[in-house]
Amino acid sequence: MNTSTSYTQLVKLVKTLSTNDYIWLLHVINKDELEYDLRRDVDDLNSELIYKDIDSLNTFHNIQEIKDFVLNECKDLRE
């Protein structure tokens, strides 16, 4: 499967997610970034991760902004 097809399938899947799924995906993105920065595994209940999630959620005004952000992150994965 080529990357273009994989990306297209990923975007289709992400667009069908529920609101709760988008919040969870935002958490996973934050966790990945934090683990990369710290160079170690981070538990889902890590206080730094929770604060990062809260800060992220507070920057958005509505669910559409979260969806746009998540889709943009998927685009970054492609590149």
PDB file of N, CA and C in Angstrom:
ATOM      1  N   MET A   1       0.854  -1.172   0.000  1.00  0.00           N
ATOM      2  CA  MET A   1       0.000   0.000   0.000  1.00  0.00           C
ATOM      3  C   MET A   1       0.899   1.233   0.000  1.00  0.00           C
ATOM      4  N   ASN A   2       0.622   2.161  -0.875  1.00  0.00           N
ATOM      5  CA  ASN A   2       1.469   3.352  -0.914  1.00  0.00           C
ATOM      6  C   ASN A   2       1.028   4.365   0.140  1.00  0.00           C
ATOM      7  N   THR A   3       1.896   5.338   0.377  1.00  0.00           N
ATOM      8  CA  THR A   3       1.621   6.303   1.450  1.00  0.00           C
ATOM      9  C   THR A   3       0.409   7.169   1.156  1.00  0.00           C
ATOM     10  N   SER A   4       0.168   7.456  -0.105  1.00  0.00           N
ATOM     11  CA  SER A   4      -0.983   8.287  -0.456  1.00  0.00           C
ATOM     12  C   SER A   4      -2.287   7.573  -0.091  1.00  0.00           C
ATOM     13  N   THR A   5      -2.366   6.304  -0.413  1.00  0.00           N
ATOM     14  CA  THR A   5      -3.555   5.525  -0.090  1.00  0.00           C
ATOM     15  C   THR A   5      -3.709   5.380   1.419  1.00  0.00           C
ATOM     16  N   SER A   6      -2.622   5.124   2.106  1.00  0.00           N
ATOM     17  CA  SER A   6      -2.664   5.001   3.569  1.00  0.00           C
ATOM     18  C   SER A   6      -3.128   6.299   4.201  1.00  0.00           C
ATOM     19  N   TYR A   7      -2.601   7.401   3.716  1.00  0.00           N
ATOM     20  CA  TYR A   7      -2.990   8.708   4.245  1.00  0.00           C
ATOM     21  C   TYR A   7      -4.472   8.963   3.997  1.00  0.00           C
ATOM     22  N   THR A   8      -4.935   8.666   2.811  1.00  0.00           N
ATOM     23  CA  THR A   8      -6.341   8.868   2.467  1.00  0.00           C
ATOM     24  C   THR A   8      -7.238   8.042   3.383  1.00  0.00           C
ATOM     25  N   GLN A   9      -6.862   6.808   3.634  1.00  0.00           N
ATOM     26  CA  GLN A   9      -7.645   5.955   4.526  1.00  0.00           C
ATOM     27  C   GLN A   9      -7.622   6.477   5.957  1.00  0.00           C
ATOM     28  N   LEU A  10      -6.475   6.967   6.391  1.00  0.00           N
ATOM     29  CA  LEU A  10      -6.373   7.534   7.734  1.00  0.00           C
ATOM     30  C   LEU A  10      -7.291   8.743   7.880  1.00  0.00           C
ATOM     31  N   VAL A  11      -7.280   9.620   6.904  1.00  0.00           N
ATOM     32  CA  VAL A  11      -8.126  10.817   6.951  1.00  0.00           C
ATOM     33  C   VAL A  11      -9.602  10.419   6.955  1.00  0.00           C
ATOM     34  N   LYS A  12      -9.975   9.457   6.144  1.00  0.00           N
ATOM     35  CA  LYS A  12     -11.371   8.992   6.129  1.00  0.00           C
ATOM     36  C   LYS A  12     -11.773   8.452   7.494  1.00  0.00           C
ATOM     37  N   LEU A  13     -10.884   7.679   8.098  1.00  0.00           N
ATOM     38  CA  LEU A  13     -11.169   7.126   9.416  1.00  0.00           C
ATOM     39  C   LEU A  13     -11.301   8.229  10.457  1.00  0.00           C
ATOM     40  N   VAL A  14     -10.378   9.156  10.459  1.00  0.00           N
ATOM     41  CA  VAL A  14     -10.384  10.237  11.446  1.00  0.00           C
ATOM     42  C   VAL A  14     -11.636  11.094  11.301  1.00  0.00           C
ATOM     43  N   LYS A  15     -12.079  11.315  10.091  1.00  0.00           N
ATOM     44  CA  LYS A  15     -13.266  12.148   9.868  1.00  0.00           C
ATOM     45  C   LYS A  15     -14.545  11.502  10.379  1.00  0.00           C
ATOM     46  N   THR A  16     -14.534  10.196  10.587  1.00  0.00           N
ATOM     47  CA  THR A  16     -15.736   9.504  11.069  1.00  0.00           C
ATOM     48  C   THR A  16     -15.772   9.359  12.589  1.00  0.00           C
ATOM     49  N   LEU A  17     -14.771   9.868  13.268  1.00  0.00           N
ATOM     50  CA  LEU A  17     -14.678   9.705  14.720  1.00  0.00           C
ATOM     51  C   LEU A  17     -15.720  10.540  15.459  1.00  0.00           C
ATOM     52  N   SER A  18     -16.053  10.082  16.642  1.00  0.00           N
ATOM     53  CA  SER A  18     -16.952  10.842  17.512  1.00  0.00           C
ATOM     54  C   SER A  18     -16.159  11.940  18.215  1.00  0.00           C
ATOM     55  N   THR A  19     -16.862  12.824  18.880  1.00  0.00           N
ATOM     56  CA  THR A  19     -16.215  13.901  19.633  1.00  0.00           C
ATOM     57  C   THR A  19     -15.279  13.334  20.693  1.00  0.00           C
ATOM     58  N   ASN A  20     -15.732  12.329  21.408  1.00  0.00           N
ATOM     59  CA  ASN A  20     -14.882  11.708  22.432  1.00  0.00           C
ATOM     60  C   ASN A  20     -13.621  11.104  21.828  1.00  0.00           C
ATOM     61  N   ASP A  21     -13.763  10.529  20.647  1.00  0.00           N
ATOM     62  CA  ASP A  21     -12.596   9.951  19.980  1.00  0.00           C
ATOM     63  C   ASP A  21     -11.575  11.024  19.623  1.00  0.00           C
ATOM     64  N   TYR A  22     -12.052  12.193  19.229  1.00  0.00           N
ATOM     65  CA  TYR A  22     -11.128  13.286  18.905  1.00  0.00           C
ATOM     66  C   TYR A  22     -10.360  13.736  20.143  1.00  0.00           C
ATOM     67  N   ILE A  23     -11.034  13.775  21.263  1.00  0.00           N
ATOM     68  CA  ILE A  23     -10.368  14.153  22.512  1.00  0.00           C
ATOM     69  C   ILE A  23      -9.310  13.112  22.858  1.00  0.00           C
ATOM     70  N   TRP A  24      -9.663  11.850  22.692  1.00  0.00           N
ATOM     71  CA  TRP A  24      -8.703  10.786  22.973  1.00  0.00           C
ATOM     72  C   TRP A  24      -7.517  10.875  22.013  1.00  0.00           C
ATOM     73  N   LEU A  25      -7.778  11.124  20.758  1.00  0.00           N
ATOM     74  CA  LEU A  25      -6.699  11.240  19.778  1.00  0.00           C
ATOM     75  C   LEU A  25      -5.796  12.427  20.095  1.00  0.00           C
ATOM     76  N   LEU A  26      -6.362  13.508  20.556  1.00  0.00           N
ATOM     77  CA  LEU A  26      -5.565  14.656  20.991  1.00  0.00           C
ATOM     78  C   LEU A  26      -4.656  14.248  22.151  1.00  0.00           C
ATOM     79  N   HIS A  27      -5.191  13.469  23.066  1.00  0.00           N
ATOM     80  CA  HIS A  27      -4.397  12.960  24.189  1.00  0.00           C
ATOM     81  C   HIS A  27      -3.228  12.101  23.680  1.00  0.00           C
ATOM     82  N   VAL A  28      -3.492  11.241  22.718  1.00  0.00           N
ATOM     83  CA  VAL A  28      -2.444  10.374  22.164  1.00  0.00           C
ATOM     84  C   VAL A  28      -1.366  11.207  21.474  1.00  0.00           C
ATOM     85  N   ILE A  29      -1.768  12.238  20.763  1.00  0.00           N
ATOM     86  CA  ILE A  29      -0.807  13.137  20.111  1.00  0.00           C
ATOM     87  C   ILE A  29       0.051  13.831  21.165  1.00  0.00           C
ATOM     88  N   ASN A  30      -0.591  14.324  22.212  1.00  0.00           N
ATOM     89  CA  ASN A  30       0.155  14.979  23.295  1.00  0.00           C
ATOM     90  C   ASN A  30       1.115  14.007  23.976  1.00  0.00           C
ATOM     91  N   LYS A  31       0.657  12.797  24.182  1.00  0.00           N
ATOM     92  CA  LYS A  31       1.507  11.788  24.825  1.00  0.00           C
ATOM     93  C   LYS A  31       2.725  11.491  23.962  1.00  0.00           C
ATOM     94  N   ASP A  32       2.514  11.340  22.687  1.00  0.00           N
ATOM     95  CA  ASP A  32       3.621  11.077  21.769  1.00  0.00           C
ATOM     96  C   ASP A  32       4.645  12.214  21.804  1.00  0.00           C
ATOM     97  N   GLU A  33       4.164  13.445  21.780  1.00  0.00           N
ATOM     98  CA  GLU A  33       5.070  14.603  21.833  1.00  0.00           C
ATOM     99  C   GLU A  33       5.840  14.650  23.149  1.00  0.00           C
ATOM    100  N   LEU A  34       5.154  14.382  24.242  1.00  0.00           N
ATOM    101  CA  LEU A  34       5.805  14.417  25.552  1.00  0.00           C
ATOM    102  C   LEU A  34       6.849  13.302  25.675  1.00  0.00           C
ATOM    103  N   GLU A  35       6.517  12.120  25.213  1.00  0.00           N
ATOM    104  CA  GLU A  35       7.480  11.020  25.252  1.00  0.00           C
ATOM    105  C   GLU A  35       8.701  11.328  24.398  1.00  0.00           C
ATOM    106  N   TYR A  36       8.473  11.954  23.278  1.00  0.00           N
ATOM    107  CA  TYR A  36       9.597  12.344  22.431  1.00  0.00           C
ATOM    108  C   TYR A  36      10.475  13.367  23.151  1.00  0.00           C
ATOM    109  N   ASP A  37       9.852  14.361  23.760  1.00  0.00           N
ATOM    110  CA  ASP A  37      10.610  15.401  24.471  1.00  0.00           C
ATOM    111  C   ASP A  37      11.383  14.834  25.665  1.00  0.00           C
ATOM    112  N   LEU A  38      10.752  13.939  26.402  1.00  0.00           N
ATOM    113  CA  LEU A  38      11.378  13.385  27.605  1.00  0.00           C
ATOM    114  C   LEU A  38      12.270  12.177  27.315  1.00  0.00           C
ATOM    115  N   ARG A  39      12.121  11.625  26.137  1.00  0.00           N
ATOM    116  CA  ARG A  39      12.869  10.433  25.724  1.00  0.00           C
ATOM    117  C   ARG A  39      12.641   9.243  26.660  1.00  0.00           C
ATOM    118  N   ARG A  40      11.397   9.093  27.064  1.00  0.00           N
ATOM    119  CA  ARG A  40      11.008   7.950  27.899  1.00  0.00           C
ATOM    120  C   ARG A  40       9.503   7.735  27.785  1.00  0.00           C
ATOM    121  N   ASP A  41       9.063   6.561  28.204  1.00  0.00           N
ATOM    122  CA  ASP A  41       7.634   6.262  28.206  1.00  0.00           C
ATOM    123  C   ASP A  41       6.932   7.087  29.271  1.00  0.00           C
ATOM    124  N   VAL A  42       5.711   7.474  28.953  1.00  0.00           N
ATOM    125  CA  VAL A  42       4.914   8.274  29.878  1.00  0.00           C
ATOM    126  C   VAL A  42       3.585   7.558  30.094  1.00  0.00           C
ATOM    127  N   ASP A  43       3.196   7.437  31.351  1.00  0.00           N
ATOM    128  CA  ASP A  43       1.918   6.833  31.698  1.00  0.00           C
ATOM    129  C   ASP A  43       0.778   7.793  31.333  1.00  0.00           C
ATOM    130  N   ASP A  44      -0.379   7.239  31.003  1.00  0.00           N
ATOM    131  CA  ASP A  44      -1.524   8.077  30.633  1.00  0.00           C
ATOM    132  C   ASP A  44      -1.978   9.003  31.755  1.00  0.00           C
ATOM    133  N   LEU A  45      -1.657   8.656  32.983  1.00  0.00           N
ATOM    134  CA  LEU A  45      -2.057   9.487  34.119  1.00  0.00           C
ATOM    135  C   LEU A  45      -0.920  10.370  34.622  1.00  0.00           C
ATOM    136  N   ASN A  46       0.123  10.479  33.855  1.00  0.00           N
ATOM    137  CA  ASN A  46       1.246  11.349  34.200  1.00  0.00           C
ATOM    138  C   ASN A  46       0.742  12.784  34.335  1.00  0.00           C
ATOM    139  N   SER A  47       1.110  13.441  35.421  1.00  0.00           N
ATOM    140  CA  SER A  47       0.581  14.791  35.677  1.00  0.00           C
ATOM    141  C   SER A  47       0.989  15.788  34.595  1.00  0.00           C
ATOM    142  N   GLU A  48       2.198  15.671  34.099  1.00  0.00           N
ATOM    143  CA  GLU A  48       2.640  16.585  33.041  1.00  0.00           C
ATOM    144  C   GLU A  48       1.802  16.395  31.772  1.00  0.00           C
ATOM    145  N   LEU A  49       1.485  15.157  31.473  1.00  0.00           N
ATOM    146  CA  LEU A  49       0.646  14.862  30.312  1.00  0.00           C
ATOM    147  C   LEU A  49      -0.769  15.402  30.511  1.00  0.00           C
ATOM    148  N   ILE A  50      -1.301  15.233  31.685  1.00  0.00           N
ATOM    149  CA  ILE A  50      -2.649  15.738  31.967  1.00  0.00           C
ATOM    150  C   ILE A  50      -2.691  17.259  31.834  1.00  0.00           C
ATOM    151  N   TYR A  51      -1.674  17.931  32.358  1.00  0.00           N
ATOM    152  CA  TYR A  51      -1.613  19.389  32.211  1.00  0.00           C
ATOM    153  C   TYR A  51      -1.484  19.786  30.743  1.00  0.00           C
ATOM    154  N   LYS A  52      -0.725  19.017  29.995  1.00  0.00           N
ATOM    155  CA  LYS A  52      -0.581  19.291  28.560  1.00  0.00           C
ATOM    156  C   LYS A  52      -1.932  19.128  27.857  1.00  0.00           C
ATOM    157  N   ASP A  53      -2.672  18.093  28.230  1.00  0.00           N
ATOM    158  CA  ASP A  53      -4.007  17.885  27.661  1.00  0.00           C
ATOM    159  C   ASP A  53      -4.935  19.052  27.995  1.00  0.00           C
ATOM    160  N   ILE A  54      -4.924  19.458  29.246  1.00  0.00           N
ATOM    161  CA  ILE A  54      -5.785  20.570  29.675  1.00  0.00           C
ATOM    162  C   ILE A  54      -5.409  21.854  28.949  1.00  0.00           C
ATOM    163  N   ASP A  55      -4.119  22.133  28.865  1.00  0.00           N
ATOM    164  CA  ASP A  55      -3.669  23.330  28.143  1.00  0.00           C
ATOM    165  C   ASP A  55      -4.083  23.275  26.677  1.00  0.00           C
ATOM    166  N   SER A  56      -3.938  22.106  26.073  1.00  0.00           N
ATOM    167  CA  SER A  56      -4.339  21.953  24.670  1.00  0.00           C
ATOM    168  C   SER A  56      -5.828  22.216  24.504  1.00  0.00           C
ATOM    169  N   LEU A  57      -6.623  21.598  25.351  1.00  0.00           N
ATOM    170  CA  LEU A  57      -8.075  21.771  25.249  1.00  0.00           C
ATOM    171  C   LEU A  57      -8.491  23.216  25.492  1.00  0.00           C
ATOM    172  N   ASN A  58      -7.801  23.897  26.367  1.00  0.00           N
ATOM    173  CA  ASN A  58      -8.138  25.297  26.652  1.00  0.00           C
ATOM    174  C   ASN A  58      -7.791  26.242  25.503  1.00  0.00           C
ATOM    175  N   THR A  59      -6.949  25.813  24.591  1.00  0.00           N
ATOM    176  CA  THR A  59      -6.603  26.678  23.454  1.00  0.00           C
ATOM    177  C   THR A  59      -7.657  26.624  22.353  1.00  0.00           C
ATOM    178  N   PHE A  60      -8.487  25.586  22.366  1.00  0.00           N
ATOM    179  CA  PHE A  60      -9.507  25.434  21.332  1.00  0.00           C
ATOM    180  C   PHE A  60     -10.818  26.060  21.789  1.00  0.00           C
ATOM    181  N   HIS A  61     -11.550  26.599  20.818  1.00  0.00           N
ATOM    182  CA  HIS A  61     -12.828  27.234  21.126  1.00  0.00           C
ATOM    183  C   HIS A  61     -14.017  26.318  20.867  1.00  0.00           C
ATOM    184  N   ASN A  62     -13.832  25.336  20.001  1.00  0.00           N
ATOM    185  CA  ASN A  62     -14.920  24.406  19.703  1.00  0.00           C
ATOM    186  C   ASN A  62     -14.343  23.103  19.168  1.00  0.00           C
ATOM    187  N   ILE A  63     -15.204  22.124  19.012  1.00  0.00           N
ATOM    188  CA  ILE A  63     -14.747  20.800  18.585  1.00  0.00           C
ATOM    189  C   ILE A  63     -14.186  20.828  17.167  1.00  0.00           C
ATOM    190  N   GLN A  64     -14.686  21.722  16.336  1.00  0.00           N
ATOM    191  CA  GLN A  64     -14.179  21.794  14.967  1.00  0.00           C
ATOM    192  C   GLN A  64     -12.695  22.159  14.951  1.00  0.00           C
ATOM    193  N   GLU A  65     -12.274  23.012  15.852  1.00  0.00           N
ATOM    194  CA  GLU A  65     -10.855  23.366  15.928  1.00  0.00           C
ATOM    195  C   GLU A  65     -10.014  22.161  16.338  1.00  0.00           C
ATOM    196  N   ILE A  66     -10.554  21.336  17.210  1.00  0.00           N
ATOM    197  CA  ILE A  66      -9.839  20.115  17.603  1.00  0.00           C
ATOM    198  C   ILE A  66      -9.745  19.169  16.410  1.00  0.00           C
ATOM    199  N   LYS A  67     -10.846  19.020  15.687  1.00  0.00           N
ATOM    200  CA  LYS A  67     -10.843  18.164  14.498  1.00  0.00           C
ATOM    201  C   LYS A  67      -9.830  18.658  13.477  1.00  0.00           C
ATOM    202  N   ASP A  68      -9.806  19.950  13.250  1.00  0.00           N
ATOM    203  CA  ASP A  68      -8.851  20.517  12.292  1.00  0.00           C
ATOM    204  C   ASP A  68      -7.411  20.269  12.738  1.00  0.00           C
ATOM    205  N   PHE A  69      -7.171  20.434  14.024  1.00  0.00           N
ATOM    206  CA  PHE A  69      -5.830  20.205  14.563  1.00  0.00           C
ATOM    207  C   PHE A  69      -5.407  18.747  14.364  1.00  0.00           C
ATOM    208  N   VAL A  70      -6.298  17.825  14.698  1.00  0.00           N
ATOM    209  CA  VAL A  70      -5.985  16.401  14.567  1.00  0.00           C
ATOM    210  C   VAL A  70      -5.725  16.042  13.109  1.00  0.00           C
ATOM    211  N   LEU A  71      -6.555  16.543  12.210  1.00  0.00           N
ATOM    212  CA  LEU A  71      -6.343  16.269  10.786  1.00  0.00           C
ATOM    213  C   LEU A  71      -5.028  16.867  10.298  1.00  0.00           C
ATOM    214  N   ASN A  72      -4.686  18.010  10.818  1.00  0.00           N
ATOM    215  CA  ASN A  72      -3.414  18.634  10.461  1.00  0.00           C
ATOM    216  C   ASN A  72      -2.240  17.790  10.967  1.00  0.00           C
ATOM    217  N   GLU A  73      -2.379  17.233  12.148  1.00  0.00           N
ATOM    218  CA  GLU A  73      -1.338  16.350  12.688  1.00  0.00           C
ATOM    219  C   GLU A  73      -1.198  15.105  11.811  1.00  0.00           C
ATOM    220  N   CYS A  74      -2.308  14.598  11.304  1.00  0.00           N
ATOM    221  CA  CYS A  74      -2.253  13.454  10.387  1.00  0.00           C
ATOM    222  C   CYS A  74      -1.512  13.834   9.113  1.00  0.00           C
ATOM    223  N   LYS A  75      -1.745  15.034   8.662  1.00  0.00           N
ATOM    224  CA  LYS A  75      -1.049  15.519   7.470  1.00  0.00           C
ATOM    225  C   LYS A  75       0.455  15.582   7.727  1.00  0.00           C
ATOM    226  N   ASP A  76       0.835  16.019   8.923  1.00  0.00           N
ATOM    227  CA  ASP A  76       2.257  16.076   9.270  1.00  0.00           C
ATOM    228  C   ASP A  76       2.881  14.687   9.286  1.00  0.00           C
ATOM    229  N   LEU A  77       2.122  13.685   9.667  1.00  0.00           N
ATOM    230  CA  LEU A  77       2.625  12.311   9.647  1.00  0.00           C
ATOM    231  C   LEU A  77       2.953  11.871   8.229  1.00  0.00           C
ATOM    232  N   ARG A  78       2.178  12.353   7.306  1.00  0.00           N
ATOM    233  CA  ARG A  78       2.382  11.989   5.904  1.00  0.00           C
ATOM    234  C   ARG A  78       3.692  12.548   5.380  1.00  0.00           C
ATOM    235  N   GLU A  79       4.047  13.730   5.827  1.00  0.00           N
ATOM    236  CA  GLU A  79       5.250  14.401   5.340  1.00  0.00           C
ATOM    237  C   GLU A  79       6.414  13.985   6.131  1.00  0.00           C
TER     238      GLU A  79
END
